[in-house]
Amino acid sequence: MAMMAIPLSAPATAQATADTSATQATYTINAGDELEIYVWGEERLQRVLHVLPDGTIAFPLVGQLRVQGLLPQAVERLVSERLKSQYKGDVPNVTVSVRSPVGLSFSVVGKVRSPGSFNPGRYINVLDAVSLAGGPADFANLDGVSIIRHQGSQLITLKVKLGSVFKGSASGSTLDKTNIVPLVAGDIVVVP
């Protein structure tokens, strides 16, 4: 497996400053997630579904769909395409949202008070992750925190600096938001 270090670039910066709705727009669906699927004007086709461990859901009139790894917008298109045979005219609009991203699991290792794997059931960033792990341990190098992430068949490393946040020397106006990176499923946060 190749591991390469990359600095935070424009895409990561844009992602880091995104709000929850923008994060959800780039969130890929995982096994265990709770989805809400709404077909406009069709009360019988409004469902809250859990993504099964094999990455699939079962939806009326559509059948079994593999949704793991897809964006919610891709699932909307997939459901619409499969519903076409059920309608003579246009297919009603389909909306898919992730109600609870319970499949968003990650690990925190290194110099934190409670290292381990976490599944918070909500969107989370690197600062939240270190806090969930009990906060930094004594002598942790918070300016050398790394996020190890799978990207396709490669592992990449994102470097972040959290020292000023935990020392209380960063205010909302001086905080470098490029260091508050949203996590994705499978991330490993390393606190040296």
N, C-alpha and C. Protein backbone atom coordinates (compact mmCIF):
# COMPACT_ATOMS: atom_id res chain seq x y z
N MET A 1 0.83 -1.17 0.00
CA MET A 1 0.00 0.00 0.00
C MET A 1 0.88 1.24 0.00
N ALA A 2 0.58 2.15 -0.85
CA ALA A 2 1.35 3.38 -0.93
C ALA A 2 0.78 4.41 0.03
N MET A 3 1.67 5.16 0.64
CA MET A 3 1.23 6.23 1.52
C MET A 3 1.93 7.50 1.08
N MET A 4 1.15 8.50 0.81
CA MET A 4 1.75 9.75 0.40
C MET A 4 1.23 10.87 1.26
N ALA A 5 2.09 11.82 1.53
CA ALA A 5 1.68 12.97 2.33
C ALA A 5 1.29 14.09 1.40
N ILE A 6 0.18 14.70 1.71
CA ILE A 6 -0.22 15.86 0.92
C ILE A 6 -0.56 17.00 1.86
N PRO A 7 -0.25 18.20 1.48
CA PRO A 7 -0.66 19.33 2.31
C PRO A 7 -2.14 19.59 2.10
N LEU A 8 -2.72 20.32 3.01
CA LEU A 8 -4.11 20.72 2.80
C LEU A 8 -4.15 21.61 1.58
N SER A 9 -4.97 21.24 0.64
CA SER A 9 -5.06 21.98 -0.61
C SER A 9 -6.40 22.69 -0.69
N ALA A 10 -6.65 23.32 -1.79
CA ALA A 10 -7.91 24.07 -1.94
C ALA A 10 -9.13 23.19 -1.73
N PRO A 11 -9.19 21.96 -2.31
CA PRO A 11 -10.38 21.15 -2.07
C PRO A 11 -10.58 20.83 -0.59
N ALA A 12 -9.50 20.52 0.13
CA ALA A 12 -9.64 20.22 1.55
C ALA A 12 -10.05 21.47 2.32
N THR A 13 -9.52 22.62 1.92
CA THR A 13 -9.88 23.87 2.58
C THR A 13 -11.36 24.17 2.39
N ALA A 14 -11.82 24.03 1.17
CA ALA A 14 -13.24 24.27 0.90
C ALA A 14 -14.10 23.31 1.70
N GLN A 15 -13.66 22.06 1.77
CA GLN A 15 -14.43 21.07 2.50
C GLN A 15 -14.39 21.38 3.99
N ALA A 16 -13.25 21.84 4.49
CA ALA A 16 -13.12 22.09 5.91
C ALA A 16 -14.02 23.22 6.38
N THR A 17 -14.28 24.18 5.53
CA THR A 17 -15.10 25.31 5.93
C THR A 17 -16.57 25.10 5.61
N ALA A 18 -16.90 23.99 5.03
CA ALA A 18 -18.29 23.73 4.64
C ALA A 18 -19.14 23.49 5.88
N ASP A 19 -20.40 23.84 5.79
CA ASP A 19 -21.32 23.56 6.88
C ASP A 19 -21.86 22.15 6.74
N THR A 20 -22.70 21.74 7.68
CA THR A 20 -23.21 20.38 7.69
C THR A 20 -23.94 20.01 6.41
N SER A 21 -24.73 20.92 5.86
CA SER A 21 -25.47 20.58 4.65
C SER A 21 -24.53 20.35 3.48
N ALA A 22 -23.47 21.12 3.39
CA ALA A 22 -22.50 20.90 2.32
C ALA A 22 -21.74 19.60 2.56
N THR A 23 -21.45 19.30 3.83
CA THR A 23 -20.78 18.04 4.13
C THR A 23 -21.68 16.88 3.73
N GLN A 24 -22.98 16.99 4.00
CA GLN A 24 -23.90 15.92 3.61
C GLN A 24 -23.93 15.77 2.10
N ALA A 25 -23.78 16.85 1.36
CA ALA A 25 -23.80 16.78 -0.10
C ALA A 25 -22.61 16.00 -0.64
N THR A 26 -21.54 15.89 0.14
CA THR A 26 -20.37 15.13 -0.30
C THR A 26 -20.20 13.83 0.48
N TYR A 27 -21.15 13.52 1.33
CA TYR A 27 -21.07 12.33 2.17
C TYR A 27 -21.46 11.10 1.36
N THR A 28 -20.60 10.09 1.39
CA THR A 28 -20.94 8.84 0.72
C THR A 28 -21.62 7.92 1.74
N ILE A 29 -22.63 7.25 1.28
CA ILE A 29 -23.46 6.40 2.13
C ILE A 29 -22.69 5.15 2.54
N ASN A 30 -22.86 4.77 3.81
CA ASN A 30 -22.18 3.61 4.38
C ASN A 30 -23.20 2.61 4.93
N ALA A 31 -22.77 1.37 5.09
CA ALA A 31 -23.61 0.37 5.74
C ALA A 31 -23.93 0.87 7.15
N GLY A 32 -25.18 0.71 7.57
CA GLY A 32 -25.61 1.16 8.88
C GLY A 32 -26.26 2.53 8.89
N ASP A 33 -26.07 3.31 7.83
CA ASP A 33 -26.69 4.64 7.77
C ASP A 33 -28.21 4.52 7.69
N GLU A 34 -28.87 5.55 8.20
CA GLU A 34 -30.33 5.63 8.11
C GLU A 34 -30.66 6.66 7.04
N LEU A 35 -31.38 6.22 6.01
CA LEU A 35 -31.76 7.09 4.89
C LEU A 35 -33.24 7.39 4.93
N GLU A 36 -33.60 8.59 4.49
CA GLU A 36 -35.00 8.93 4.28
C GLU A 36 -35.18 9.14 2.78
N ILE A 37 -36.09 8.35 2.19
CA ILE A 37 -36.37 8.47 0.76
C ILE A 37 -37.80 8.94 0.62
N TYR A 38 -37.96 10.01 -0.14
CA TYR A 38 -39.26 10.66 -0.30
C TYR A 38 -39.53 10.83 -1.79
N VAL A 39 -40.61 10.20 -2.27
CA VAL A 39 -41.06 10.37 -3.65
C VAL A 39 -42.24 11.34 -3.58
N TRP A 40 -42.05 12.53 -4.14
CA TRP A 40 -43.03 13.61 -4.03
C TRP A 40 -44.39 13.20 -4.59
N GLY A 41 -45.44 13.46 -3.78
CA GLY A 41 -46.80 13.15 -4.20
C GLY A 41 -47.17 11.69 -4.06
N GLU A 42 -46.30 10.88 -3.53
CA GLU A 42 -46.55 9.43 -3.38
C GLU A 42 -46.31 9.03 -1.93
N GLU A 43 -47.35 9.20 -1.11
CA GLU A 43 -47.21 8.90 0.31
C GLU A 43 -46.77 7.45 0.55
N ARG A 44 -47.20 6.55 -0.31
CA ARG A 44 -46.84 5.14 -0.14
C ARG A 44 -45.36 4.89 -0.43
N LEU A 45 -44.68 5.86 -1.01
CA LEU A 45 -43.26 5.71 -1.33
C LEU A 45 -42.40 6.66 -0.50
N GLN A 46 -42.77 6.83 0.75
CA GLN A 46 -41.96 7.60 1.69
C GLN A 46 -41.47 6.63 2.75
N ARG A 47 -40.16 6.48 2.83
CA ARG A 47 -39.61 5.47 3.73
C ARG A 47 -38.36 5.97 4.46
N VAL A 48 -38.19 5.45 5.66
CA VAL A 48 -36.93 5.58 6.38
C VAL A 48 -36.34 4.18 6.38
N LEU A 49 -35.14 4.05 5.85
CA LEU A 49 -34.51 2.74 5.67
C LEU A 49 -33.10 2.73 6.24
N HIS A 50 -32.71 1.57 6.73
CA HIS A 50 -31.33 1.38 7.18
C HIS A 50 -30.56 0.65 6.08
N VAL A 51 -29.36 1.13 5.80
CA VAL A 51 -28.51 0.46 4.82
C VAL A 51 -27.99 -0.82 5.48
N LEU A 52 -28.24 -1.94 4.83
CA LEU A 52 -27.86 -3.25 5.38
C LEU A 52 -26.34 -3.42 5.37
N PRO A 53 -25.83 -4.38 6.14
CA PRO A 53 -24.38 -4.61 6.18
C PRO A 53 -23.75 -4.87 4.80
N ASP A 54 -24.55 -5.39 3.86
CA ASP A 54 -24.01 -5.63 2.52
C ASP A 54 -24.08 -4.38 1.63
N GLY A 55 -24.52 -3.24 2.20
CA GLY A 55 -24.55 -1.98 1.46
C GLY A 55 -25.79 -1.77 0.62
N THR A 56 -26.85 -2.53 0.88
CA THR A 56 -28.06 -2.43 0.07
C THR A 56 -29.25 -1.95 0.90
N ILE A 57 -30.28 -1.50 0.16
CA ILE A 57 -31.59 -1.20 0.74
C ILE A 57 -32.63 -1.87 -0.15
N ALA A 58 -33.83 -2.07 0.40
CA ALA A 58 -34.95 -2.57 -0.39
C ALA A 58 -36.01 -1.48 -0.39
N PHE A 59 -36.42 -1.05 -1.60
CA PHE A 59 -37.39 0.03 -1.73
C PHE A 59 -38.57 -0.45 -2.56
N PRO A 60 -39.82 -0.11 -2.15
CA PRO A 60 -41.00 -0.57 -2.89
C PRO A 60 -40.96 -0.18 -4.37
N LEU A 61 -41.43 -1.06 -5.22
CA LEU A 61 -41.51 -0.90 -6.67
C LEU A 61 -40.14 -0.87 -7.35
N VAL A 62 -39.09 -0.87 -6.58
CA VAL A 62 -37.73 -0.76 -7.12
C VAL A 62 -36.93 -2.02 -6.84
N GLY A 63 -37.12 -2.57 -5.65
CA GLY A 63 -36.38 -3.76 -5.26
C GLY A 63 -35.09 -3.41 -4.52
N GLN A 64 -34.16 -4.33 -4.58
CA GLN A 64 -32.89 -4.20 -3.87
C GLN A 64 -31.96 -3.27 -4.64
N LEU A 65 -31.36 -2.30 -3.93
CA LEU A 65 -30.42 -1.36 -4.54
C LEU A 65 -29.13 -1.33 -3.74
N ARG A 66 -28.01 -1.37 -4.43
CA ARG A 66 -26.71 -1.19 -3.76
C ARG A 66 -26.45 0.31 -3.67
N VAL A 67 -26.37 0.83 -2.44
CA VAL A 67 -26.21 2.27 -2.24
C VAL A 67 -24.92 2.65 -1.53
N GLN A 68 -24.24 1.68 -0.94
CA GLN A 68 -23.01 1.99 -0.23
C GLN A 68 -21.98 2.59 -1.18
N GLY A 69 -21.35 3.67 -0.74
CA GLY A 69 -20.35 4.34 -1.55
C GLY A 69 -20.91 5.39 -2.48
N LEU A 70 -22.24 5.52 -2.53
CA LEU A 70 -22.87 6.52 -3.41
C LEU A 70 -23.21 7.78 -2.63
N LEU A 71 -23.27 8.89 -3.35
CA LEU A 71 -23.79 10.13 -2.78
C LEU A 71 -25.31 10.06 -2.75
N PRO A 72 -25.98 10.76 -1.83
CA PRO A 72 -27.44 10.76 -1.83
C PRO A 72 -28.04 11.14 -3.18
N GLN A 73 -27.41 12.08 -3.90
CA GLN A 73 -27.92 12.49 -5.21
C GLN A 73 -27.88 11.35 -6.21
N ALA A 74 -26.88 10.49 -6.12
CA ALA A 74 -26.78 9.34 -7.02
C ALA A 74 -27.89 8.33 -6.72
N VAL A 75 -28.24 8.18 -5.44
CA VAL A 75 -29.34 7.28 -5.07
C VAL A 75 -30.66 7.85 -5.58
N GLU A 76 -30.82 9.17 -5.53
CA GLU A 76 -32.03 9.80 -6.08
C GLU A 76 -32.19 9.44 -7.55
N ARG A 77 -31.11 9.56 -8.32
CA ARG A 77 -31.17 9.24 -9.75
C ARG A 77 -31.45 7.75 -9.98
N LEU A 78 -30.84 6.90 -9.16
CA LEU A 78 -31.03 5.45 -9.28
C LEU A 78 -32.49 5.07 -9.02
N VAL A 79 -33.07 5.60 -7.96
CA VAL A 79 -34.47 5.31 -7.63
C VAL A 79 -35.38 5.84 -8.74
N SER A 80 -35.14 7.06 -9.21
CA SER A 80 -35.95 7.63 -10.31
C SER A 80 -35.89 6.76 -11.55
N GLU A 81 -34.70 6.31 -11.90
CA GLU A 81 -34.52 5.47 -13.09
C GLU A 81 -35.30 4.16 -12.95
N ARG A 82 -35.23 3.56 -11.77
CA ARG A 82 -35.92 2.29 -11.54
C ARG A 82 -37.44 2.46 -11.47
N LEU A 83 -37.91 3.66 -11.11
CA LEU A 83 -39.35 3.90 -11.03
C LEU A 83 -39.98 4.20 -12.38
N LYS A 84 -39.19 4.50 -13.40
CA LYS A 84 -39.72 4.89 -14.72
C LYS A 84 -40.72 3.88 -15.26
N SER A 85 -40.48 2.60 -15.07
CA SER A 85 -41.38 1.58 -15.61
C SER A 85 -42.73 1.56 -14.90
N GLN A 86 -42.84 2.21 -13.76
CA GLN A 86 -44.08 2.23 -12.98
C GLN A 86 -44.97 3.42 -13.32
N TYR A 87 -44.48 4.35 -14.13
CA TYR A 87 -45.22 5.57 -14.44
C TYR A 87 -45.36 5.73 -15.95
N LYS A 88 -46.52 6.22 -16.38
CA LYS A 88 -46.73 6.50 -17.81
C LYS A 88 -46.13 7.84 -18.18
N GLY A 89 -46.20 8.79 -17.28
CA GLY A 89 -45.64 10.13 -17.54
C GLY A 89 -44.31 10.28 -16.82
N ASP A 90 -44.08 11.51 -16.40
CA ASP A 90 -42.84 11.80 -15.68
C ASP A 90 -42.85 11.16 -14.30
N VAL A 91 -41.69 10.73 -13.87
CA VAL A 91 -41.52 10.19 -12.52
C VAL A 91 -41.48 11.37 -11.55
N PRO A 92 -42.20 11.29 -10.43
CA PRO A 92 -42.13 12.37 -9.45
C PRO A 92 -40.69 12.56 -8.95
N ASN A 93 -40.43 13.74 -8.44
CA ASN A 93 -39.11 14.02 -7.87
C ASN A 93 -38.84 13.09 -6.70
N VAL A 94 -37.59 12.66 -6.59
CA VAL A 94 -37.16 11.79 -5.50
C VAL A 94 -36.12 12.55 -4.68
N THR A 95 -36.29 12.52 -3.36
CA THR A 95 -35.33 13.15 -2.46
C THR A 95 -34.78 12.07 -1.53
N VAL A 96 -33.46 12.02 -1.41
CA VAL A 96 -32.80 11.09 -0.49
C VAL A 96 -31.94 11.91 0.46
N SER A 97 -32.12 11.70 1.74
CA SER A 97 -31.27 12.37 2.72
C SER A 97 -30.77 11.36 3.74
N VAL A 98 -29.61 11.64 4.27
CA VAL A 98 -29.03 10.79 5.31
C VAL A 98 -29.51 11.35 6.64
N ARG A 99 -30.42 10.62 7.29
CA ARG A 99 -30.97 11.07 8.57
C ARG A 99 -29.97 10.86 9.70
N SER A 100 -29.27 9.74 9.64
CA SER A 100 -28.31 9.43 10.68
C SER A 100 -27.14 8.69 10.06
N PRO A 101 -25.98 9.34 9.99
CA PRO A 101 -24.82 8.70 9.37
C PRO A 101 -24.11 7.75 10.33
N VAL A 102 -24.82 6.73 10.80
CA VAL A 102 -24.24 5.83 11.79
C VAL A 102 -23.10 5.00 11.22
N GLY A 103 -23.00 4.92 9.92
CA GLY A 103 -21.88 4.20 9.31
C GLY A 103 -20.61 5.00 9.28
N LEU A 104 -20.65 6.24 9.77
CA LEU A 104 -19.48 7.11 9.78
C LEU A 104 -18.61 6.76 10.98
N SER A 105 -17.80 5.72 10.85
CA SER A 105 -16.92 5.31 11.94
C SER A 105 -15.49 5.72 11.62
N PHE A 106 -14.72 5.99 12.65
CA PHE A 106 -13.34 6.43 12.50
C PHE A 106 -12.59 6.00 13.75
N SER A 107 -11.26 6.11 13.72
CA SER A 107 -10.43 5.76 14.87
C SER A 107 -9.56 6.94 15.24
N VAL A 108 -9.23 7.03 16.53
CA VAL A 108 -8.28 8.01 17.03
C VAL A 108 -7.22 7.23 17.81
N VAL A 109 -5.96 7.41 17.42
CA VAL A 109 -4.86 6.70 18.07
C VAL A 109 -3.79 7.70 18.49
N GLY A 110 -2.89 7.24 19.36
CA GLY A 110 -1.78 8.09 19.78
C GLY A 110 -2.02 8.68 21.15
N LYS A 111 -1.53 9.90 21.33
CA LYS A 111 -1.54 10.55 22.63
C LYS A 111 -2.86 11.28 22.90
N VAL A 112 -3.89 10.47 23.11
CA VAL A 112 -5.19 10.97 23.57
C VAL A 112 -5.57 10.16 24.80
N ARG A 113 -6.49 10.66 25.58
CA ARG A 113 -6.84 9.99 26.84
C ARG A 113 -7.59 8.67 26.65
N SER A 114 -8.41 8.55 25.61
CA SER A 114 -9.18 7.32 25.37
C SER A 114 -9.15 6.96 23.89
N PRO A 115 -8.02 6.43 23.40
CA PRO A 115 -7.95 6.06 21.98
C PRO A 115 -8.94 4.94 21.67
N GLY A 116 -9.35 4.86 20.42
CA GLY A 116 -10.26 3.79 20.02
C GLY A 116 -11.01 4.12 18.75
N SER A 117 -12.00 3.27 18.46
CA SER A 117 -12.87 3.48 17.30
C SER A 117 -14.17 4.11 17.78
N PHE A 118 -14.70 5.00 16.97
CA PHE A 118 -15.89 5.75 17.34
C PHE A 118 -16.90 5.73 16.21
N ASN A 119 -18.17 5.77 16.58
CA ASN A 119 -19.27 5.81 15.62
C ASN A 119 -20.31 6.78 16.18
N PRO A 120 -20.10 8.09 15.98
CA PRO A 120 -20.92 9.08 16.67
C PRO A 120 -22.34 9.26 16.15
N GLY A 121 -22.65 8.75 14.96
CA GLY A 121 -24.00 8.91 14.42
C GLY A 121 -24.31 10.32 13.95
N ARG A 122 -23.27 11.10 13.68
CA ARG A 122 -23.45 12.46 13.15
C ARG A 122 -22.18 12.83 12.40
N TYR A 123 -22.25 13.91 11.65
CA TYR A 123 -21.07 14.41 10.96
C TYR A 123 -20.10 14.95 11.99
N ILE A 124 -18.81 14.78 11.73
CA ILE A 124 -17.83 15.13 12.73
C ILE A 124 -16.56 15.63 12.05
N ASN A 125 -15.82 16.50 12.74
CA ASN A 125 -14.54 16.96 12.21
C ASN A 125 -13.41 16.48 13.11
N VAL A 126 -12.17 16.78 12.73
CA VAL A 126 -11.01 16.26 13.46
C VAL A 126 -10.97 16.78 14.89
N LEU A 127 -11.39 18.00 15.12
CA LEU A 127 -11.43 18.55 16.47
C LEU A 127 -12.43 17.79 17.34
N ASP A 128 -13.61 17.52 16.79
CA ASP A 128 -14.60 16.70 17.50
C ASP A 128 -14.04 15.32 17.82
N ALA A 129 -13.31 14.74 16.87
CA ALA A 129 -12.78 13.38 17.04
C ALA A 129 -11.81 13.32 18.21
N VAL A 130 -10.90 14.29 18.30
CA VAL A 130 -9.94 14.31 19.41
C VAL A 130 -10.69 14.51 20.73
N SER A 131 -11.70 15.34 20.72
CA SER A 131 -12.51 15.55 21.93
C SER A 131 -13.24 14.28 22.34
N LEU A 132 -13.82 13.56 21.37
CA LEU A 132 -14.49 12.29 21.68
C LEU A 132 -13.53 11.27 22.28
N ALA A 133 -12.26 11.36 21.90
CA ALA A 133 -11.25 10.44 22.42
C ALA A 133 -10.71 10.92 23.77
N GLY A 134 -11.43 11.79 24.43
CA GLY A 134 -11.06 12.24 25.76
C GLY A 134 -10.15 13.44 25.79
N GLY A 135 -9.83 13.97 24.63
CA GLY A 135 -8.92 15.11 24.56
C GLY A 135 -7.48 14.64 24.50
N PRO A 136 -6.58 15.58 24.28
CA PRO A 136 -5.16 15.21 24.16
C PRO A 136 -4.58 14.80 25.51
N ALA A 137 -3.67 13.84 25.46
CA ALA A 137 -2.93 13.43 26.65
C ALA A 137 -1.79 14.42 26.87
N ASP A 138 -1.15 14.34 28.03
CA ASP A 138 0.01 15.19 28.30
C ASP A 138 1.07 14.98 27.23
N PHE A 139 1.71 16.03 26.83
CA PHE A 139 2.81 16.02 25.86
C PHE A 139 2.40 15.63 24.45
N ALA A 140 1.12 15.69 24.14
CA ALA A 140 0.67 15.42 22.77
C ALA A 140 1.12 16.57 21.87
N ASN A 141 1.56 16.24 20.68
CA ASN A 141 1.97 17.25 19.69
C ASN A 141 0.76 17.60 18.83
N LEU A 142 -0.01 18.56 19.26
CA LEU A 142 -1.26 18.89 18.58
C LEU A 142 -1.05 19.63 17.26
N ASP A 143 0.15 20.09 17.01
CA ASP A 143 0.43 20.71 15.71
C ASP A 143 0.95 19.69 14.70
N GLY A 144 1.02 18.43 15.11
CA GLY A 144 1.47 17.38 14.20
C GLY A 144 0.43 16.30 13.97
N VAL A 145 -0.84 16.63 14.19
CA VAL A 145 -1.93 15.65 14.02
C VAL A 145 -2.07 15.28 12.55
N SER A 146 -2.28 14.00 12.29
CA SER A 146 -2.47 13.51 10.92
C SER A 146 -3.80 12.79 10.80
N ILE A 147 -4.39 12.89 9.63
CA ILE A 147 -5.57 12.10 9.30
C ILE A 147 -5.16 11.18 8.17
N ILE A 148 -5.25 9.88 8.40
CA ILE A 148 -4.94 8.90 7.36
C ILE A 148 -6.27 8.51 6.73
N ARG A 149 -6.34 8.64 5.41
CA ARG A 149 -7.61 8.47 4.70
C ARG A 149 -7.42 7.61 3.46
N HIS A 150 -8.37 6.70 3.24
CA HIS A 150 -8.40 5.92 1.99
C HIS A 150 -8.97 6.81 0.90
N GLN A 151 -8.27 6.87 -0.21
CA GLN A 151 -8.78 7.60 -1.37
C GLN A 151 -8.54 6.70 -2.57
N GLY A 152 -9.61 6.03 -2.98
CA GLY A 152 -9.46 5.02 -4.03
C GLY A 152 -8.63 3.87 -3.48
N SER A 153 -7.57 3.51 -4.17
CA SER A 153 -6.72 2.41 -3.72
C SER A 153 -5.50 2.90 -2.96
N GLN A 154 -5.44 4.20 -2.68
CA GLN A 154 -4.29 4.77 -1.98
C GLN A 154 -4.67 5.26 -0.59
N LEU A 155 -3.64 5.40 0.23
CA LEU A 155 -3.80 6.07 1.51
C LEU A 155 -3.17 7.45 1.38
N ILE A 156 -3.86 8.46 1.86
CA ILE A 156 -3.29 9.80 1.88
C ILE A 156 -3.22 10.27 3.33
N THR A 157 -2.37 11.23 3.57
CA THR A 157 -2.23 11.80 4.91
C THR A 157 -2.49 13.29 4.84
N LEU A 158 -3.41 13.75 5.66
CA LEU A 158 -3.70 15.18 5.80
C LEU A 158 -3.08 15.63 7.12
N LYS A 159 -2.30 16.67 7.09
CA LYS A 159 -1.69 17.22 8.31
C LYS A 159 -2.53 18.39 8.80
N VAL A 160 -2.81 18.40 10.10
CA VAL A 160 -3.57 19.50 10.69
C VAL A 160 -2.88 19.99 11.95
N LYS A 161 -3.12 21.25 12.29
CA LYS A 161 -2.54 21.87 13.48
C LYS A 161 -3.68 22.28 14.41
N LEU A 162 -3.74 21.62 15.56
CA LEU A 162 -4.81 21.89 16.52
C LEU A 162 -4.30 22.53 17.81
N GLY A 163 -3.00 22.79 17.89
CA GLY A 163 -2.39 23.30 19.12
C GLY A 163 -3.05 24.56 19.65
N SER A 164 -3.27 25.54 18.79
CA SER A 164 -3.84 26.81 19.26
C SER A 164 -5.27 26.65 19.75
N VAL A 165 -5.99 25.69 19.19
CA VAL A 165 -7.37 25.46 19.62
C VAL A 165 -7.41 24.90 21.04
N PHE A 166 -6.60 23.88 21.30
CA PHE A 166 -6.62 23.25 22.62
C PHE A 166 -5.94 24.10 23.69
N LYS A 167 -5.03 24.98 23.28
CA LYS A 167 -4.36 25.86 24.25
C LYS A 167 -5.21 27.08 24.55
N GLY A 168 -6.29 27.26 23.80
CA GLY A 168 -7.17 28.39 24.04
C GLY A 168 -6.67 29.69 23.46
N SER A 169 -5.66 29.63 22.60
CA SER A 169 -5.12 30.86 22.04
C SER A 169 -5.74 31.24 20.70
N ALA A 170 -6.70 30.44 20.23
CA ALA A 170 -7.36 30.76 18.95
C ALA A 170 -8.77 31.25 19.23
N SER A 171 -9.10 32.36 18.64
CA SER A 171 -10.47 32.85 18.75
C SER A 171 -11.17 32.58 17.43
N GLY A 172 -12.47 32.76 17.40
CA GLY A 172 -13.23 32.52 16.17
C GLY A 172 -12.70 33.30 15.00
N SER A 173 -12.19 34.51 15.24
CA SER A 173 -11.71 35.33 14.12
C SER A 173 -10.30 34.96 13.70
N THR A 174 -9.51 34.31 14.60
CA THR A 174 -8.14 33.97 14.23
C THR A 174 -7.94 32.49 13.96
N LEU A 175 -8.95 31.67 14.19
CA LEU A 175 -8.83 30.24 13.99
C LEU A 175 -8.64 29.91 12.51
N ASP A 176 -7.62 29.12 12.22
CA ASP A 176 -7.37 28.70 10.84
C ASP A 176 -8.31 27.53 10.54
N LYS A 177 -9.40 27.83 9.86
CA LYS A 177 -10.44 26.83 9.62
C LYS A 177 -9.97 25.70 8.71
N THR A 178 -8.85 25.87 8.02
CA THR A 178 -8.34 24.78 7.18
C THR A 178 -7.90 23.60 8.02
N ASN A 179 -7.72 23.80 9.32
CA ASN A 179 -7.31 22.71 10.20
C ASN A 179 -8.49 21.96 10.82
N ILE A 180 -9.70 22.44 10.61
CA ILE A 180 -10.88 21.77 11.16
C ILE A 180 -11.50 20.95 10.02
N VAL A 181 -10.86 19.84 9.70
CA VAL A 181 -11.21 19.02 8.54
C VAL A 181 -12.33 18.05 8.89
N PRO A 182 -13.41 17.99 8.11
CA PRO A 182 -14.45 16.98 8.33
C PRO A 182 -13.89 15.57 8.09
N LEU A 183 -14.30 14.62 8.92
CA LEU A 183 -13.86 13.24 8.75
C LEU A 183 -14.81 12.49 7.83
N VAL A 184 -14.28 11.46 7.20
CA VAL A 184 -15.08 10.55 6.40
C VAL A 184 -14.93 9.15 6.99
N ALA A 185 -15.83 8.26 6.64
CA ALA A 185 -15.82 6.90 7.18
C ALA A 185 -14.47 6.25 6.94
N GLY A 186 -13.94 5.63 7.98
CA GLY A 186 -12.68 4.91 7.86
C GLY A 186 -11.45 5.72 8.17
N ASP A 187 -11.59 7.03 8.43
CA ASP A 187 -10.43 7.86 8.74
C ASP A 187 -9.76 7.38 10.03
N ILE A 188 -8.44 7.57 10.09
CA ILE A 188 -7.67 7.31 11.30
C ILE A 188 -6.99 8.61 11.68
N VAL A 189 -7.30 9.12 12.87
CA VAL A 189 -6.69 10.35 13.36
C VAL A 189 -5.53 9.94 14.26
N VAL A 190 -4.33 10.43 13.95
CA VAL A 190 -3.12 10.10 14.70
C VAL A 190 -2.64 11.35 15.43
N VAL A 191 -2.58 11.26 16.76
CA VAL A 191 -2.09 12.36 17.58
C VAL A 191 -0.73 11.93 18.14
N PRO A 192 0.37 12.51 17.61
CA PRO A 192 1.70 12.08 18.07
C PRO A 192 2.04 12.61 19.46
